[in-house]
Amino acid sequence: MINKLFNSDKYIRINLTIIASSIFLVCLFALSMISYALISDIYYDDSVISPTEKHRIQHQEEAEKLDEIIELLKEIQEL
């Protein structure tokens, strides 16, 4: 009886259906992830600056101000 079940067309159809549906679900998942990545890139606002980026810019501006102060102090020292 088990031999008849495993050799039947019904068993093969069931297995192929399971395999095909699994492949379909994997492809659907991959396409949904790709579309999500593309859509999130479109709606990402580049004008919003992260706190770490703001912090880096603040340090850079402070460094430029300190460079100006150093230059002024060198000019004063030369006089």
PDB file of N, CA and C in Angstrom:
ATOM      1  N   MET A   1       0.812  -1.196   0.000  1.00  0.00           N
ATOM      2  CA  MET A   1       0.000   0.000   0.000  1.00  0.00           C
ATOM      3  C   MET A   1       0.860   1.268   0.000  1.00  0.00           C
ATOM      4  N   ILE A   2       1.932   1.271   0.819  1.00  0.00           N
ATOM      5  CA  ILE A   2       2.819   2.433   0.869  1.00  0.00           C
ATOM      6  C   ILE A   2       3.497   2.632  -0.479  1.00  0.00           C
ATOM      7  N   ASN A   3       3.866   1.531  -1.139  1.00  0.00           N
ATOM      8  CA  ASN A   3       4.475   1.653  -2.460  1.00  0.00           C
ATOM      9  C   ASN A   3       3.526   2.295  -3.456  1.00  0.00           C
ATOM     10  N   LYS A   4       2.267   1.912  -3.408  1.00  0.00           N
ATOM     11  CA  LYS A   4       1.292   2.502  -4.318  1.00  0.00           C
ATOM     12  C   LYS A   4       1.123   3.992  -4.047  1.00  0.00           C
ATOM     13  N   LEU A   5       1.164   4.393  -2.779  1.00  0.00           N
ATOM     14  CA  LEU A   5       0.999   5.794  -2.426  1.00  0.00           C
ATOM     15  C   LEU A   5       2.181   6.628  -2.923  1.00  0.00           C
ATOM     16  N   PHE A   6       3.393   6.121  -2.703  1.00  0.00           N
ATOM     17  CA  PHE A   6       4.574   6.885  -3.103  1.00  0.00           C
ATOM     18  C   PHE A   6       4.783   6.904  -4.603  1.00  0.00           C
ATOM     19  N   ASN A   7       4.270   5.958  -5.314  1.00  0.00           N
ATOM     20  CA  ASN A   7       4.424   5.926  -6.764  1.00  0.00           C
ATOM     21  C   ASN A   7       3.248   6.576  -7.481  1.00  0.00           C
ATOM     22  N   SER A   8       2.291   7.047  -6.759  1.00  0.00           N
ATOM     23  CA  SER A   8       1.096   7.590  -7.399  1.00  0.00           C
ATOM     24  C   SER A   8       1.352   8.995  -7.947  1.00  0.00           C
ATOM     25  N   ASP A   9       0.558   9.350  -8.933  1.00  0.00           N
ATOM     26  CA  ASP A   9       0.642  10.685  -9.513  1.00  0.00           C
ATOM     27  C   ASP A   9       0.186  11.736  -8.514  1.00  0.00           C
ATOM     28  N   LYS A  10      -0.731  11.376  -7.665  1.00  0.00           N
ATOM     29  CA  LYS A  10      -1.234  12.317  -6.667  1.00  0.00           C
ATOM     30  C   LYS A  10      -0.116  12.753  -5.723  1.00  0.00           C
ATOM     31  N   TYR A  11       0.719  11.808  -5.288  1.00  0.00           N
ATOM     32  CA  TYR A  11       1.838  12.113  -4.393  1.00  0.00           C
ATOM     33  C   TYR A  11       2.835  13.049  -5.079  1.00  0.00           C
ATOM     34  N   ILE A  12       3.108  12.793  -6.337  1.00  0.00           N
ATOM     35  CA  ILE A  12       4.036  13.625  -7.105  1.00  0.00           C
ATOM     36  C   ILE A  12       3.463  15.022  -7.281  1.00  0.00           C
ATOM     37  N   ARG A  13       2.166  15.117  -7.574  1.00  0.00           N
ATOM     38  CA  ARG A  13       1.525  16.420  -7.730  1.00  0.00           C
ATOM     39  C   ARG A  13       1.556  17.223  -6.436  1.00  0.00           C
ATOM     40  N   ILE A  14       1.316  16.540  -5.336  1.00  0.00           N
ATOM     41  CA  ILE A  14       1.342  17.228  -4.036  1.00  0.00           C
ATOM     42  C   ILE A  14       2.737  17.770  -3.762  1.00  0.00           C
ATOM     43  N   ASN A  15       3.763  16.958  -3.997  1.00  0.00           N
ATOM     44  CA  ASN A  15       5.147  17.396  -3.767  1.00  0.00           C
ATOM     45  C   ASN A  15       5.517  18.554  -4.685  1.00  0.00           C
ATOM     46  N   LEU A  16       5.147  18.472  -5.953  1.00  0.00           N
ATOM     47  CA  LEU A  16       5.456  19.552  -6.889  1.00  0.00           C
ATOM     48  C   LEU A  16       4.709  20.825  -6.518  1.00  0.00           C
ATOM     49  N   THR A  17       3.492  20.691  -6.034  1.00  0.00           N
ATOM     50  CA  THR A  17       2.736  21.856  -5.599  1.00  0.00           C
ATOM     51  C   THR A  17       3.400  22.519  -4.408  1.00  0.00           C
ATOM     52  N   ILE A  18       3.860  21.725  -3.459  1.00  0.00           N
ATOM     53  CA  ILE A  18       4.547  22.262  -2.283  1.00  0.00           C
ATOM     54  C   ILE A  18       5.841  22.960  -2.691  1.00  0.00           C
ATOM     55  N   ILE A  19       6.601  22.334  -3.558  1.00  0.00           N
ATOM     56  CA  ILE A  19       7.872  22.914  -4.007  1.00  0.00           C
ATOM     57  C   ILE A  19       7.623  24.197  -4.796  1.00  0.00           C
ATOM     58  N   ALA A  20       6.653  24.185  -5.704  1.00  0.00           N
ATOM     59  CA  ALA A  20       6.371  25.366  -6.514  1.00  0.00           C
ATOM     60  C   ALA A  20       5.854  26.510  -5.652  1.00  0.00           C
ATOM     61  N   SER A  21       4.999  26.208  -4.699  1.00  0.00           N
ATOM     62  CA  SER A  21       4.488  27.272  -3.834  1.00  0.00           C
ATOM     63  C   SER A  21       5.591  27.825  -2.940  1.00  0.00           C
ATOM     64  N   SER A  22       6.515  26.981  -2.506  1.00  0.00           N
ATOM     65  CA  SER A  22       7.642  27.470  -1.707  1.00  0.00           C
ATOM     66  C   SER A  22       8.526  28.394  -2.525  1.00  0.00           C
ATOM     67  N   ILE A  23       8.813  28.024  -3.752  1.00  0.00           N
ATOM     68  CA  ILE A  23       9.625  28.866  -4.627  1.00  0.00           C
ATOM     69  C   ILE A  23       8.903  30.183  -4.896  1.00  0.00           C
ATOM     70  N   PHE A  24       7.591  30.120  -5.121  1.00  0.00           N
ATOM     71  CA  PHE A  24       6.799  31.328  -5.356  1.00  0.00           C
ATOM     72  C   PHE A  24       6.851  32.251  -4.142  1.00  0.00           C
ATOM     73  N   LEU A  25       6.713  31.700  -2.946  1.00  0.00           N
ATOM     74  CA  LEU A  25       6.741  32.518  -1.735  1.00  0.00           C
ATOM     75  C   LEU A  25       8.112  33.157  -1.514  1.00  0.00           C
ATOM     76  N   VAL A  26       9.177  32.437  -1.810  1.00  0.00           N
ATOM     77  CA  VAL A  26      10.522  32.996  -1.678  1.00  0.00           C
ATOM     78  C   VAL A  26      10.718  34.141  -2.667  1.00  0.00           C
ATOM     79  N   CYS A  27      10.273  33.962  -3.911  1.00  0.00           N
ATOM     80  CA  CYS A  27      10.380  35.031  -4.913  1.00  0.00           C
ATOM     81  C   CYS A  27       9.526  36.234  -4.525  1.00  0.00           C
ATOM     82  N   LEU A  28       8.335  35.977  -4.014  1.00  0.00           N
ATOM     83  CA  LEU A  28       7.464  37.060  -3.575  1.00  0.00           C
ATOM     84  C   LEU A  28       8.097  37.842  -2.428  1.00  0.00           C
ATOM     85  N   PHE A  29       8.699  37.128  -1.492  1.00  0.00           N
ATOM     86  CA  PHE A  29       9.377  37.784  -0.369  1.00  0.00           C
ATOM     87  C   PHE A  29      10.547  38.630  -0.866  1.00  0.00           C
ATOM     88  N   ALA A  30      11.342  38.086  -1.789  1.00  0.00           N
ATOM     89  CA  ALA A  30      12.492  38.827  -2.315  1.00  0.00           C
ATOM     90  C   ALA A  30      12.028  40.083  -3.063  1.00  0.00           C
ATOM     91  N   LEU A  31      11.002  39.964  -3.870  1.00  0.00           N
ATOM     92  CA  LEU A  31      10.501  41.133  -4.601  1.00  0.00           C
ATOM     93  C   LEU A  31       9.923  42.179  -3.654  1.00  0.00           C
ATOM     94  N   SER A  32       9.252  41.737  -2.607  1.00  0.00           N
ATOM     95  CA  SER A  32       8.698  42.706  -1.657  1.00  0.00           C
ATOM     96  C   SER A  32       9.809  43.424  -0.905  1.00  0.00           C
ATOM     97  N   MET A  33      10.892  42.728  -0.567  1.00  0.00           N
ATOM     98  CA  MET A  33      12.017  43.375   0.112  1.00  0.00           C
ATOM     99  C   MET A  33      12.711  44.374  -0.810  1.00  0.00           C
ATOM    100  N   ILE A  34      12.866  44.031  -2.079  1.00  0.00           N
ATOM    101  CA  ILE A  34      13.490  44.950  -3.036  1.00  0.00           C
ATOM    102  C   ILE A  34      12.616  46.183  -3.237  1.00  0.00           C
ATOM    103  N   SER A  35      11.311  45.976  -3.376  1.00  0.00           N
ATOM    104  CA  SER A  35      10.425  47.127  -3.565  1.00  0.00           C
ATOM    105  C   SER A  35      10.396  47.994  -2.315  1.00  0.00           C
ATOM    106  N   TYR A  36      10.453  47.390  -1.131  1.00  0.00           N
ATOM    107  CA  TYR A  36      10.497  48.170   0.105  1.00  0.00           C
ATOM    108  C   TYR A  36      11.759  49.022   0.167  1.00  0.00           C
ATOM    109  N   ALA A  37      12.886  48.439  -0.231  1.00  0.00           N
ATOM    110  CA  ALA A  37      14.143  49.181  -0.223  1.00  0.00           C
ATOM    111  C   ALA A  37      14.085  50.356  -1.190  1.00  0.00           C
ATOM    112  N   LEU A  38      13.514  50.140  -2.360  1.00  0.00           N
ATOM    113  CA  LEU A  38      13.420  51.219  -3.349  1.00  0.00           C
ATOM    114  C   LEU A  38      12.466  52.306  -2.889  1.00  0.00           C
ATOM    115  N   ILE A  39      11.336  51.928  -2.329  1.00  0.00           N
ATOM    116  CA  ILE A  39      10.351  52.916  -1.881  1.00  0.00           C
ATOM    117  C   ILE A  39      10.878  53.695  -0.686  1.00  0.00           C
ATOM    118  N   SER A  40      11.553  53.027   0.235  1.00  0.00           N
ATOM    119  CA  SER A  40      12.078  53.746   1.399  1.00  0.00           C
ATOM    120  C   SER A  40      13.169  54.723   0.983  1.00  0.00           C
ATOM    121  N   ASP A  41      13.922  54.420  -0.069  1.00  0.00           N
ATOM    122  CA  ASP A  41      14.917  55.361  -0.581  1.00  0.00           C
ATOM    123  C   ASP A  41      14.249  56.594  -1.173  1.00  0.00           C
ATOM    124  N   ILE A  42      13.117  56.407  -1.817  1.00  0.00           N
ATOM    125  CA  ILE A  42      12.413  57.535  -2.432  1.00  0.00           C
ATOM    126  C   ILE A  42      11.896  58.485  -1.365  1.00  0.00           C
ATOM    127  N   TYR A  43      11.344  57.944  -0.298  1.00  0.00           N
ATOM    128  CA  TYR A  43      10.728  58.772   0.730  1.00  0.00           C
ATOM    129  C   TYR A  43      11.701  59.221   1.813  1.00  0.00           C
ATOM    130  N   TYR A  44      12.975  58.860   1.715  1.00  0.00           N
ATOM    131  CA  TYR A  44      13.956  59.275   2.710  1.00  0.00           C
ATOM    132  C   TYR A  44      14.291  60.742   2.493  1.00  0.00           C
ATOM    133  N   ASP A  45      14.182  61.524   3.521  1.00  0.00           N
ATOM    134  CA  ASP A  45      14.421  62.964   3.428  1.00  0.00           C
ATOM    135  C   ASP A  45      15.899  63.242   3.708  1.00  0.00           C
ATOM    136  N   ASP A  46      16.617  63.707   2.689  1.00  0.00           N
ATOM    137  CA  ASP A  46      18.047  63.971   2.841  1.00  0.00           C
ATOM    138  C   ASP A  46      18.324  65.211   3.668  1.00  0.00           C
ATOM    139  N   SER A  47      17.326  66.083   3.810  1.00  0.00           N
ATOM    140  CA  SER A  47      17.547  67.312   4.559  1.00  0.00           C
ATOM    141  C   SER A  47      17.592  67.067   6.065  1.00  0.00           C
ATOM    142  N   VAL A  48      17.118  65.927   6.513  1.00  0.00           N
ATOM    143  CA  VAL A  48      17.154  65.606   7.935  1.00  0.00           C
ATOM    144  C   VAL A  48      18.562  65.122   8.278  1.00  0.00           C
ATOM    145  N   ILE A  49      19.189  65.792   9.252  1.00  0.00           N
ATOM    146  CA  ILE A  49      20.551  65.451   9.631  1.00  0.00           C
ATOM    147  C   ILE A  49      20.504  64.670  10.940  1.00  0.00           C
ATOM    148  N   SER A  50      21.226  63.587  10.974  1.00  0.00           N
ATOM    149  CA  SER A  50      21.246  62.762  12.174  1.00  0.00           C
ATOM    150  C   SER A  50      22.004  63.488  13.290  1.00  0.00           C
ATOM    151  N   PRO A  51      21.732  63.135  14.528  1.00  0.00           N
ATOM    152  CA  PRO A  51      22.421  63.781  15.647  1.00  0.00           C
ATOM    153  C   PRO A  51      23.946  63.608  15.593  1.00  0.00           C
ATOM    154  N   THR A  52      24.414  62.468  15.144  1.00  0.00           N
ATOM    155  CA  THR A  52      25.869  62.273  15.052  1.00  0.00           C
ATOM    156  C   THR A  52      26.469  63.168  13.980  1.00  0.00           C
ATOM    157  N   GLU A  53      25.736  63.365  12.884  1.00  0.00           N
ATOM    158  CA  GLU A  53      26.213  64.258  11.823  1.00  0.00           C
ATOM    159  C   GLU A  53      26.258  65.700  12.324  1.00  0.00           C
ATOM    160  N   LYS A  54      25.227  66.116  13.073  1.00  0.00           N
ATOM    161  CA  LYS A  54      25.217  67.460  13.654  1.00  0.00           C
ATOM    162  C   LYS A  54      26.404  67.641  14.591  1.00  0.00           C
ATOM    163  N   HIS A  55      26.683  66.618  15.377  1.00  0.00           N
ATOM    164  CA  HIS A  55      27.787  66.674  16.325  1.00  0.00           C
ATOM    165  C   HIS A  55      29.124  66.825  15.596  1.00  0.00           C
ATOM    166  N   ARG A  56      29.274  66.072  14.502  1.00  0.00           N
ATOM    167  CA  ARG A  56      30.513  66.152  13.718  1.00  0.00           C
ATOM    168  C   ARG A  56      30.665  67.540  13.107  1.00  0.00           C
ATOM    169  N   ILE A  57      29.588  68.083  12.566  1.00  0.00           N
ATOM    170  CA  ILE A  57      29.635  69.419  11.961  1.00  0.00           C
ATOM    171  C   ILE A  57      29.981  70.468  13.014  1.00  0.00           C
ATOM    172  N   GLN A  58      29.410  70.321  14.205  1.00  0.00           N
ATOM    173  CA  GLN A  58      29.696  71.261  15.293  1.00  0.00           C
ATOM    174  C   GLN A  58      31.182  71.237  15.646  1.00  0.00           C
ATOM    175  N   HIS A  59      31.765  70.054  15.730  1.00  0.00           N
ATOM    176  CA  HIS A  59      33.199  69.962  16.025  1.00  0.00           C
ATOM    177  C   HIS A  59      34.033  70.572  14.903  1.00  0.00           C
ATOM    178  N   GLN A  60      33.616  70.363  13.684  1.00  0.00           N
ATOM    179  CA  GLN A  60      34.354  70.922  12.547  1.00  0.00           C
ATOM    180  C   GLN A  60      34.315  72.455  12.586  1.00  0.00           C
ATOM    181  N   GLU A  61      33.145  73.031  12.887  1.00  0.00           N
ATOM    182  CA  GLU A  61      33.034  74.484  12.968  1.00  0.00           C
ATOM    183  C   GLU A  61      33.876  75.035  14.122  1.00  0.00           C
ATOM    184  N   GLU A  62      33.883  74.332  15.254  1.00  0.00           N
ATOM    185  CA  GLU A  62      34.702  74.763  16.386  1.00  0.00           C
ATOM    186  C   GLU A  62      36.190  74.715  16.034  1.00  0.00           C
ATOM    187  N   ALA A  63      36.580  73.693  15.298  1.00  0.00           N
ATOM    188  CA  ALA A  63      37.982  73.578  14.894  1.00  0.00           C
ATOM    189  C   ALA A  63      38.369  74.728  13.963  1.00  0.00           C
ATOM    190  N   GLU A  64      37.465  75.112  13.063  1.00  0.00           N
ATOM    191  CA  GLU A  64      37.750  76.232  12.161  1.00  0.00           C
ATOM    192  C   GLU A  64      37.871  77.540  12.946  1.00  0.00           C
ATOM    193  N   LYS A  65      37.018  77.733  13.953  1.00  0.00           N
ATOM    194  CA  LYS A  65      37.106  78.938  14.784  1.00  0.00           C
ATOM    195  C   LYS A  65      38.421  78.963  15.569  1.00  0.00           C
ATOM    196  N   LEU A  66      38.811  77.805  16.082  1.00  0.00           N
ATOM    197  CA  LEU A  66      40.072  77.739  16.817  1.00  0.00           C
ATOM    198  C   LEU A  66      41.256  78.019  15.898  1.00  0.00           C
ATOM    199  N   ASP A  67      41.201  77.559  14.661  1.00  0.00           N
ATOM    200  CA  ASP A  67      42.258  77.858  13.690  1.00  0.00           C
ATOM    201  C   ASP A  67      42.354  79.361  13.437  1.00  0.00           C
ATOM    202  N   GLU A  68      41.206  80.032  13.339  1.00  0.00           N
ATOM    203  CA  GLU A  68      41.213  81.486  13.146  1.00  0.00           C
ATOM    204  C   GLU A  68      41.822  82.187  14.356  1.00  0.00           C
ATOM    205  N   ILE A  69      41.474  81.732  15.548  1.00  0.00           N
ATOM    206  CA  ILE A  69      42.031  82.327  16.772  1.00  0.00           C
ATOM    207  C   ILE A  69      43.539  82.134  16.820  1.00  0.00           C
ATOM    208  N   ILE A  70      43.998  80.949  16.435  1.00  0.00           N
ATOM    209  CA  ILE A  70      45.448  80.675  16.443  1.00  0.00           C
ATOM    210  C   ILE A  70      46.156  81.605  15.461  1.00  0.00           C
ATOM    211  N   GLU A  71      45.573  81.802  14.291  1.00  0.00           N
ATOM    212  CA  GLU A  71      46.180  82.695  13.299  1.00  0.00           C
ATOM    213  C   GLU A  71      46.254  84.122  13.837  1.00  0.00           C
ATOM    214  N   LEU A  72      45.177  84.582  14.470  1.00  0.00           N
ATOM    215  CA  LEU A  72      45.180  85.924  15.054  1.00  0.00           C
ATOM    216  C   LEU A  72      46.234  86.068  16.165  1.00  0.00           C
ATOM    217  N   LEU A  73      46.356  85.046  16.996  1.00  0.00           N
ATOM    218  CA  LEU A  73      47.366  85.081  18.061  1.00  0.00           C
ATOM    219  C   LEU A  73      48.773  85.078  17.482  1.00  0.00           C
ATOM    220  N   LYS A  74      48.997  84.372  16.400  1.00  0.00           N
ATOM    221  CA  LYS A  74      50.321  84.406  15.764  1.00  0.00           C
ATOM    222  C   LYS A  74      50.615  85.783  15.212  1.00  0.00           C
ATOM    223  N   GLU A  75      49.592  86.430  14.631  1.00  0.00           N
ATOM    224  CA  GLU A  75      49.794  87.780  14.101  1.00  0.00           C
ATOM    225  C   GLU A  75      50.099  88.765  15.236  1.00  0.00           C
ATOM    226  N   ILE A  76      49.405  88.616  16.341  1.00  0.00           N
ATOM    227  CA  ILE A  76      49.650  89.493  17.498  1.00  0.00           C
ATOM    228  C   ILE A  76      51.049  89.251  18.044  1.00  0.00           C
ATOM    229  N   GLN A  77      51.477  88.023  18.079  1.00  0.00           N
ATOM    230  CA  GLN A  77      52.791  87.685  18.618  1.00  0.00           C
ATOM    231  C   GLN A  77      53.897  88.265  17.736  1.00  0.00           C
ATOM    232  N   GLU A  78      53.682  88.343  16.420  1.00  0.00           N
ATOM    233  CA  GLU A  78      54.672  88.866  15.503  1.00  0.00           C
ATOM    234  C   GLU A  78      54.841  90.379  15.639  1.00  0.00           C
ATOM    235  N   LEU A  79      53.815  91.053  16.144  1.00  0.00           N
ATOM    236  CA  LEU A  79      53.890  92.504  16.296  1.00  0.00           C
ATOM    237  C   LEU A  79      54.738  92.833  17.440  1.00  0.00           C
TER     238      LEU A  79
END
